[in-house]
């Protein structure tokens, strides 16, 4: 098992980072079987805009096999989502038509494509205490080795330097391993949203 390097994101990282998003896209598990028709579907939402708009809060984890993780952040969530809505989402909507028919019968890809058209910009309260947000994914070969903690600490240090009062993040209710990891980092549960298979836990940490 090779050592990993944490480095700033740079142009050209998109394919590798999108692949990490895919391979962790099933509630933290391998999402590839569900997104074969469009492997980049999730990455266009959860990775691409951060690399484009928040490069100073985008970290890449890399080993000799390539990119194996990332940690991404946004300093002010509402400002980030406003830019996503104005500059990023229109291109997605133009390229990927909204799915039709019964939503209960949509594939995972169709469901994600529907998010392009009907975006949800939820931020947990109290927003003034947790305006920044974070997002991290690691491939299995990089997990359990302390890299996730180090990457998030680096991002939180950068947010503190910019005087952010706190950060939040969201995770699938089914991802119990991630829930415990964030608790150990000092995050506490703020709220839960969604229904059935789409339940999301939002957690926050004061900085």
C-alpha atoms as a PDB file:
ATOM      1  CA  UNK A   1       0.000   0.000   0.000  1.00  0.00           C
ATOM      2  CA  UNK A   2       1.635   3.202  -1.194  1.00  0.00           C
ATOM      3  CA  UNK A   3       1.783   6.461   0.712  1.00  0.00           C
ATOM      4  CA  UNK A   4      -0.585   9.231  -0.328  1.00  0.00           C
ATOM      5  CA  UNK A   5       0.123  12.900  -0.884  1.00  0.00           C
ATOM      6  CA  UNK A   6      -2.294  15.693  -0.032  1.00  0.00           C
ATOM      7  CA  UNK A   7      -1.980  18.539  -2.520  1.00  0.00           C
ATOM      8  CA  UNK A   8      -3.973  21.498  -3.834  1.00  0.00           C
ATOM      9  CA  UNK A   9      -6.307  20.728  -6.703  1.00  0.00           C
ATOM     10  CA  UNK A  10      -5.145  21.791 -10.139  1.00  0.00           C
ATOM     11  CA  UNK A  11      -6.542  21.841 -13.681  1.00  0.00           C
ATOM     12  CA  UNK A  12      -6.792  18.324 -15.077  1.00  0.00           C
ATOM     13  CA  UNK A  13      -7.888  16.727 -11.793  1.00  0.00           C
ATOM     14  CA  UNK A  14     -11.519  16.507 -12.876  1.00  0.00           C
ATOM     15  CA  UNK A  15     -11.506  12.970 -14.378  1.00  0.00           C
ATOM     16  CA  UNK A  16      -9.776  11.418 -11.386  1.00  0.00           C
ATOM     17  CA  UNK A  17     -11.893  13.279  -8.848  1.00  0.00           C
ATOM     18  CA  UNK A  18     -15.109  12.439 -10.724  1.00  0.00           C
ATOM     19  CA  UNK A  19     -14.076   8.789 -10.602  1.00  0.00           C
ATOM     20  CA  UNK A  20     -13.695   8.955  -6.823  1.00  0.00           C
ATOM     21  CA  UNK A  21     -17.173  10.488  -6.625  1.00  0.00           C
ATOM     22  CA  UNK A  22     -18.540   7.615  -8.709  1.00  0.00           C
ATOM     23  CA  UNK A  23     -16.812   4.908  -6.675  1.00  0.00           C
ATOM     24  CA  UNK A  24     -18.228   6.338  -3.439  1.00  0.00           C
ATOM     25  CA  UNK A  25     -21.583   7.295  -4.938  1.00  0.00           C
ATOM     26  CA  UNK A  26     -23.775   4.623  -3.353  1.00  0.00           C
ATOM     27  CA  UNK A  27     -24.101   6.007   0.172  1.00  0.00           C
ATOM     28  CA  UNK A  28     -20.321   5.802   0.541  1.00  0.00           C
ATOM     29  CA  UNK A  29     -20.026   2.525  -1.347  1.00  0.00           C
ATOM     30  CA  UNK A  30     -19.224   1.799  -5.007  1.00  0.00           C
ATOM     31  CA  UNK A  31     -21.761   3.560  -7.193  1.00  0.00           C
ATOM     32  CA  UNK A  32     -20.373   2.396 -10.536  1.00  0.00           C
ATOM     33  CA  UNK A  33     -22.993  -0.354 -11.103  1.00  0.00           C
ATOM     34  CA  UNK A  34     -25.763   2.259 -10.835  1.00  0.00           C
ATOM     35  CA  UNK A  35     -24.283   4.938 -13.086  1.00  0.00           C
ATOM     36  CA  UNK A  36     -22.892   3.054 -16.068  1.00  0.00           C
ATOM     37  CA  UNK A  37     -24.978   5.121 -18.509  1.00  0.00           C
ATOM     38  CA  UNK A  38     -23.395   8.333 -17.215  1.00  0.00           C
ATOM     39  CA  UNK A  39     -20.439   7.786 -14.842  1.00  0.00           C
ATOM     40  CA  UNK A  40     -19.870  11.522 -14.356  1.00  0.00           C
ATOM     41  CA  UNK A  41     -23.460  12.292 -13.340  1.00  0.00           C
ATOM     42  CA  UNK A  42     -22.690  12.770  -9.656  1.00  0.00           C
ATOM     43  CA  UNK A  43     -19.317  14.427 -10.165  1.00  0.00           C
ATOM     44  CA  UNK A  44     -20.865  17.264 -12.149  1.00  0.00           C
ATOM     45  CA  UNK A  45     -22.708  18.338  -9.000  1.00  0.00           C
ATOM     46  CA  UNK A  46     -20.522  17.281  -6.105  1.00  0.00           C
ATOM     47  CA  UNK A  47     -17.022  17.854  -7.509  1.00  0.00           C
ATOM     48  CA  UNK A  48     -16.833  20.005 -10.636  1.00  0.00           C
ATOM     49  CA  UNK A  49     -18.226  23.262  -9.262  1.00  0.00           C
ATOM     50  CA  UNK A  50     -15.877  23.183  -6.273  1.00  0.00           C
ATOM     51  CA  UNK A  51     -12.797  22.674  -8.412  1.00  0.00           C
ATOM     52  CA  UNK A  52     -13.958  25.544 -10.625  1.00  0.00           C
ATOM     53  CA  UNK A  53     -15.194  28.058  -8.049  1.00  0.00           C
ATOM     54  CA  UNK A  54     -13.398  27.212  -4.774  1.00  0.00           C
ATOM     55  CA  UNK A  55      -9.892  26.080  -5.825  1.00  0.00           C
ATOM     56  CA  UNK A  56      -8.334  27.430  -2.613  1.00  0.00           C
ATOM     57  CA  UNK A  57     -10.618  25.061  -0.656  1.00  0.00           C
ATOM     58  CA  UNK A  58     -10.089  22.019  -2.892  1.00  0.00           C
ATOM     59  CA  UNK A  59      -7.612  19.345  -1.845  1.00  0.00           C
ATOM     60  CA  UNK A  60      -6.668  16.208  -3.761  1.00  0.00           C
ATOM     61  CA  UNK A  61      -5.342  12.950  -2.303  1.00  0.00           C
ATOM     62  CA  UNK A  62      -3.046  11.056  -4.661  1.00  0.00           C
ATOM     63  CA  UNK A  63      -0.888   7.921  -4.585  1.00  0.00           C
ATOM     64  CA  UNK A  64       1.136   6.110  -7.230  1.00  0.00           C
ATOM     65  CA  UNK A  65      -2.070   4.720  -8.752  1.00  0.00           C
ATOM     66  CA  UNK A  66      -3.585   8.168  -9.144  1.00  0.00           C
ATOM     67  CA  UNK A  67      -6.203  10.303  -7.435  1.00  0.00           C
ATOM     68  CA  UNK A  68      -7.775   8.409  -4.547  1.00  0.00           C
ATOM     69  CA  UNK A  69      -9.669  11.115  -2.698  1.00  0.00           C
ATOM     70  CA  UNK A  70     -10.605  14.746  -2.333  1.00  0.00           C
ATOM     71  CA  UNK A  71     -11.783  17.227   0.278  1.00  0.00           C
ATOM     72  CA  UNK A  72     -13.753  20.198  -0.996  1.00  0.00           C
ATOM     73  CA  UNK A  73     -15.249  23.237   0.634  1.00  0.00           C
ATOM     74  CA  UNK A  74     -17.171  26.455   0.089  1.00  0.00           C
ATOM     75  CA  UNK A  75     -16.561  29.510   2.265  1.00  0.00           C
ATOM     76  CA  UNK A  76     -20.084  30.931   1.988  1.00  0.00           C
ATOM     77  CA  UNK A  77     -22.607  28.309   0.949  1.00  0.00           C
ATOM     78  CA  UNK A  78     -25.295  30.665  -0.311  1.00  0.00           C
ATOM     79  CA  UNK A  79     -22.827  32.599  -2.441  1.00  0.00           C
ATOM     80  CA  UNK A  80     -21.479  29.325  -3.825  1.00  0.00           C
ATOM     81  CA  UNK A  81     -24.961  28.023  -4.668  1.00  0.00           C
ATOM     82  CA  UNK A  82     -25.907  31.319  -6.308  1.00  0.00           C
ATOM     83  CA  UNK A  83     -22.917  31.008  -8.621  1.00  0.00           C
ATOM     84  CA  UNK A  84     -23.638  27.324  -9.268  1.00  0.00           C
ATOM     85  CA  UNK A  85     -27.208  28.226 -10.188  1.00  0.00           C
ATOM     86  CA  UNK A  86     -26.237  31.101 -12.464  1.00  0.00           C
ATOM     87  CA  UNK A  87     -23.119  29.733 -14.157  1.00  0.00           C
ATOM     88  CA  UNK A  88     -22.911  25.949 -13.789  1.00  0.00           C
ATOM     89  CA  UNK A  89     -26.400  24.514 -13.783  1.00  0.00           C
ATOM     90  CA  UNK A  90     -27.628  26.057 -17.083  1.00  0.00           C
ATOM     91  CA  UNK A  91     -25.013  24.074 -19.004  1.00  0.00           C
ATOM     92  CA  UNK A  92     -26.066  20.849 -17.323  1.00  0.00           C
ATOM     93  CA  UNK A  93     -29.707  21.484 -18.110  1.00  0.00           C
ATOM     94  CA  UNK A  94     -28.910  22.221 -21.746  1.00  0.00           C
ATOM     95  CA  UNK A  95     -26.863  19.037 -22.127  1.00  0.00           C
ATOM     96  CA  UNK A  96     -29.041  16.635 -20.135  1.00  0.00           C
ATOM     97  CA  UNK A  97     -32.829  16.799 -20.594  1.00  0.00           C
ATOM     98  CA  UNK A  98     -35.041  16.450 -17.565  1.00  0.00           C
ATOM     99  CA  UNK A  99     -36.320  12.872 -17.198  1.00  0.00           C
ATOM    100  CA  UNK A 100     -39.973  12.232 -17.916  1.00  0.00           C
ATOM    101  CA  UNK A 101     -42.531   9.785 -16.614  1.00  0.00           C
ATOM    102  CA  UNK A 102     -43.071   8.380 -13.149  1.00  0.00           C
ATOM    103  CA  UNK A 103     -40.233   9.517 -10.822  1.00  0.00           C
ATOM    104  CA  UNK A 104     -40.562   6.318  -8.781  1.00  0.00           C
ATOM    105  CA  UNK A 105     -39.409   4.414 -11.865  1.00  0.00           C
ATOM    106  CA  UNK A 106     -36.417   6.597 -12.708  1.00  0.00           C
ATOM    107  CA  UNK A 107     -32.956   5.074 -12.735  1.00  0.00           C
ATOM    108  CA  UNK A 108     -30.277   6.533 -10.480  1.00  0.00           C
ATOM    109  CA  UNK A 109     -28.875   8.448 -13.461  1.00  0.00           C
ATOM    110  CA  UNK A 110     -32.282   9.892 -14.298  1.00  0.00           C
ATOM    111  CA  UNK A 111     -32.722  10.939 -10.674  1.00  0.00           C
ATOM    112  CA  UNK A 112     -29.399  12.808 -10.709  1.00  0.00           C
ATOM    113  CA  UNK A 113     -30.251  14.428 -14.037  1.00  0.00           C
ATOM    114  CA  UNK A 114     -33.490  15.626 -12.425  1.00  0.00           C
ATOM    115  CA  UNK A 115     -31.362  17.365  -9.761  1.00  0.00           C
ATOM    116  CA  UNK A 116     -29.727  19.376 -12.546  1.00  0.00           C
ATOM    117  CA  UNK A 117     -33.155  20.833 -13.344  1.00  0.00           C
ATOM    118  CA  UNK A 118     -34.659  20.930  -9.850  1.00  0.00           C
ATOM    119  CA  UNK A 119     -31.715  21.825  -7.639  1.00  0.00           C
ATOM    120  CA  UNK A 120     -31.915  21.718  -3.845  1.00  0.00           C
ATOM    121  CA  UNK A 121     -29.747  24.265  -2.039  1.00  0.00           C
ATOM    122  CA  UNK A 122     -30.540  23.284   1.515  1.00  0.00           C
ATOM    123  CA  UNK A 123     -28.450  24.830   4.285  1.00  0.00           C
ATOM    124  CA  UNK A 124     -29.109  23.832   7.889  1.00  0.00           C
ATOM    125  CA  UNK A 125     -29.914  26.366  10.579  1.00  0.00           C
ATOM    126  CA  UNK A 126     -28.539  28.352  12.235  1.00  0.00           C
ATOM    127  CA  UNK A 127     -26.928  29.436   8.979  1.00  0.00           C
ATOM    128  CA  UNK A 128     -25.012  32.332  10.547  1.00  0.00           C
ATOM    129  CA  UNK A 129     -23.157  29.831  12.742  1.00  0.00           C
ATOM    130  CA  UNK A 130     -22.364  27.308   9.972  1.00  0.00           C
ATOM    131  CA  UNK A 131     -22.192  29.206   6.649  1.00  0.00           C
ATOM    132  CA  UNK A 132     -19.312  27.206   5.158  1.00  0.00           C
ATOM    133  CA  UNK A 133     -19.657  23.617   4.013  1.00  0.00           C
ATOM    134  CA  UNK A 134     -17.355  20.662   3.369  1.00  0.00           C
ATOM    135  CA  UNK A 135     -17.425  17.513   1.270  1.00  0.00           C
ATOM    136  CA  UNK A 136     -14.974  14.597   1.310  1.00  0.00           C
ATOM    137  CA  UNK A 137     -14.683  11.198  -0.373  1.00  0.00           C
ATOM    138  CA  UNK A 138     -11.866   8.639  -0.314  1.00  0.00           C
ATOM    139  CA  UNK A 139     -11.437   5.402  -2.226  1.00  0.00           C
ATOM    140  CA  UNK A 140     -11.211   2.284  -0.013  1.00  0.00           C
ATOM    141  CA  UNK A 141      -7.445   2.000  -0.452  1.00  0.00           C
ATOM    142  CA  UNK A 142      -7.017   5.408   1.200  1.00  0.00           C
ATOM    143  CA  UNK A 143      -9.538   4.971   3.997  1.00  0.00           C
ATOM    144  CA  UNK A 144      -8.697   4.293   7.621  1.00  0.00           C
ATOM    145  CA  UNK A 145      -5.212   5.770   7.349  1.00  0.00           C
ATOM    146  CA  UNK A 146      -5.771   9.250   8.775  1.00  0.00           C
ATOM    147  CA  UNK A 147      -5.839  11.096   5.461  1.00  0.00           C
ATOM    148  CA  UNK A 148      -9.486  12.116   5.682  1.00  0.00           C
ATOM    149  CA  UNK A 149      -8.967  13.685   9.088  1.00  0.00           C
ATOM    150  CA  UNK A 150      -5.869  15.545   7.906  1.00  0.00           C
ATOM    151  CA  UNK A 151      -7.585  16.895   4.807  1.00  0.00           C
ATOM    152  CA  UNK A 152     -10.609  18.150   6.705  1.00  0.00           C
ATOM    153  CA  UNK A 153      -8.389  19.717   9.354  1.00  0.00           C
ATOM    154  CA  UNK A 154      -6.476  21.550   6.634  1.00  0.00           C
ATOM    155  CA  UNK A 155      -9.696  22.881   5.111  1.00  0.00           C
ATOM    156  CA  UNK A 156     -11.054  23.929   8.498  1.00  0.00           C
ATOM    157  CA  UNK A 157      -7.785  25.721   9.229  1.00  0.00           C
ATOM    158  CA  UNK A 158      -8.173  27.636   5.971  1.00  0.00           C
ATOM    159  CA  UNK A 159     -11.752  28.535   6.856  1.00  0.00           C
ATOM    160  CA  UNK A 160     -10.648  29.779  10.292  1.00  0.00           C
ATOM    161  CA  UNK A 161      -8.002  31.947   8.649  1.00  0.00           C
ATOM    162  CA  UNK A 162     -10.806  33.529   6.611  1.00  0.00           C
ATOM    163  CA  UNK A 163     -12.894  34.016   9.783  1.00  0.00           C
ATOM    164  CA  UNK A 164     -15.628  31.525   9.010  1.00  0.00           C
ATOM    165  CA  UNK A 165     -17.576  30.882  12.234  1.00  0.00           C
ATOM    166  CA  UNK A 166     -18.426  27.291  11.362  1.00  0.00           C
ATOM    167  CA  UNK A 167     -18.988  24.653   8.709  1.00  0.00           C
ATOM    168  CA  UNK A 168     -21.627  22.046   7.942  1.00  0.00           C
ATOM    169  CA  UNK A 169     -21.731  18.926   5.821  1.00  0.00           C
ATOM    170  CA  UNK A 170     -24.318  16.387   4.707  1.00  0.00           C
ATOM    171  CA  UNK A 171     -24.157  12.615   4.540  1.00  0.00           C
ATOM    172  CA  UNK A 172     -26.461   9.737   3.749  1.00  0.00           C
ATOM    173  CA  UNK A 173     -28.299   8.400   6.778  1.00  0.00           C
ATOM    174  CA  UNK A 174     -27.132   4.955   5.672  1.00  0.00           C
ATOM    175  CA  UNK A 175     -23.466   5.914   5.866  1.00  0.00           C
ATOM    176  CA  UNK A 176     -23.026   5.068   9.545  1.00  0.00           C
ATOM    177  CA  UNK A 177     -19.244   4.838   9.236  1.00  0.00           C
ATOM    178  CA  UNK A 178     -19.014   8.443   8.042  1.00  0.00           C
ATOM    179  CA  UNK A 179     -21.375   9.599  10.799  1.00  0.00           C
ATOM    180  CA  UNK A 180     -19.039   8.215  13.457  1.00  0.00           C
ATOM    181  CA  UNK A 181     -16.006   9.706  11.711  1.00  0.00           C
ATOM    182  CA  UNK A 182     -17.506  13.203  11.714  1.00  0.00           C
ATOM    183  CA  UNK A 183     -18.560  12.876  15.346  1.00  0.00           C
ATOM    184  CA  UNK A 184     -14.982  12.098  16.291  1.00  0.00           C
ATOM    185  CA  UNK A 185     -13.906  15.265  14.468  1.00  0.00           C
ATOM    186  CA  UNK A 186     -16.258  17.322  16.619  1.00  0.00           C
ATOM    187  CA  UNK A 187     -19.243  17.666  14.284  1.00  0.00           C
ATOM    188  CA  UNK A 188     -22.694  17.443  15.842  1.00  0.00           C
ATOM    189  CA  UNK A 189     -26.007  16.606  14.232  1.00  0.00           C
ATOM    190  CA  UNK A 190     -28.085  19.630  13.213  1.00  0.00           C
ATOM    191  CA  UNK A 191     -31.027  18.108  11.360  1.00  0.00           C
ATOM    192  CA  UNK A 192     -32.205  15.336   9.040  1.00  0.00           C
ATOM    193  CA  UNK A 193     -34.065  15.786   5.766  1.00  0.00           C
ATOM    194  CA  UNK A 194     -35.535  13.658   2.987  1.00  0.00           C
ATOM    195  CA  UNK A 195     -37.454  10.438   2.947  1.00  0.00           C
ATOM    196  CA  UNK A 196     -36.813   6.694   2.735  1.00  0.00           C
ATOM    197  CA  UNK A 197     -33.601   5.931   0.803  1.00  0.00           C
ATOM    198  CA  UNK A 198     -32.759   9.644   0.411  1.00  0.00           C
ATOM    199  CA  UNK A 199     -32.505  10.633   4.082  1.00  0.00           C
ATOM    200  CA  UNK A 200     -29.647  13.085   4.702  1.00  0.00           C
ATOM    201  CA  UNK A 201     -28.020  13.964   8.013  1.00  0.00           C
ATOM    202  CA  UNK A 202     -26.597  17.469   8.316  1.00  0.00           C
ATOM    203  CA  UNK A 203     -23.834  18.016  10.865  1.00  0.00           C
ATOM    204  CA  UNK A 204     -22.039  21.177  11.931  1.00  0.00           C
ATOM    205  CA  UNK A 205     -18.887  22.271  13.734  1.00  0.00           C
ATOM    206  CA  UNK A 206     -18.008  25.678  15.150  1.00  0.00           C
ATOM    207  CA  UNK A 207     -14.601  26.920  14.046  1.00  0.00           C
END
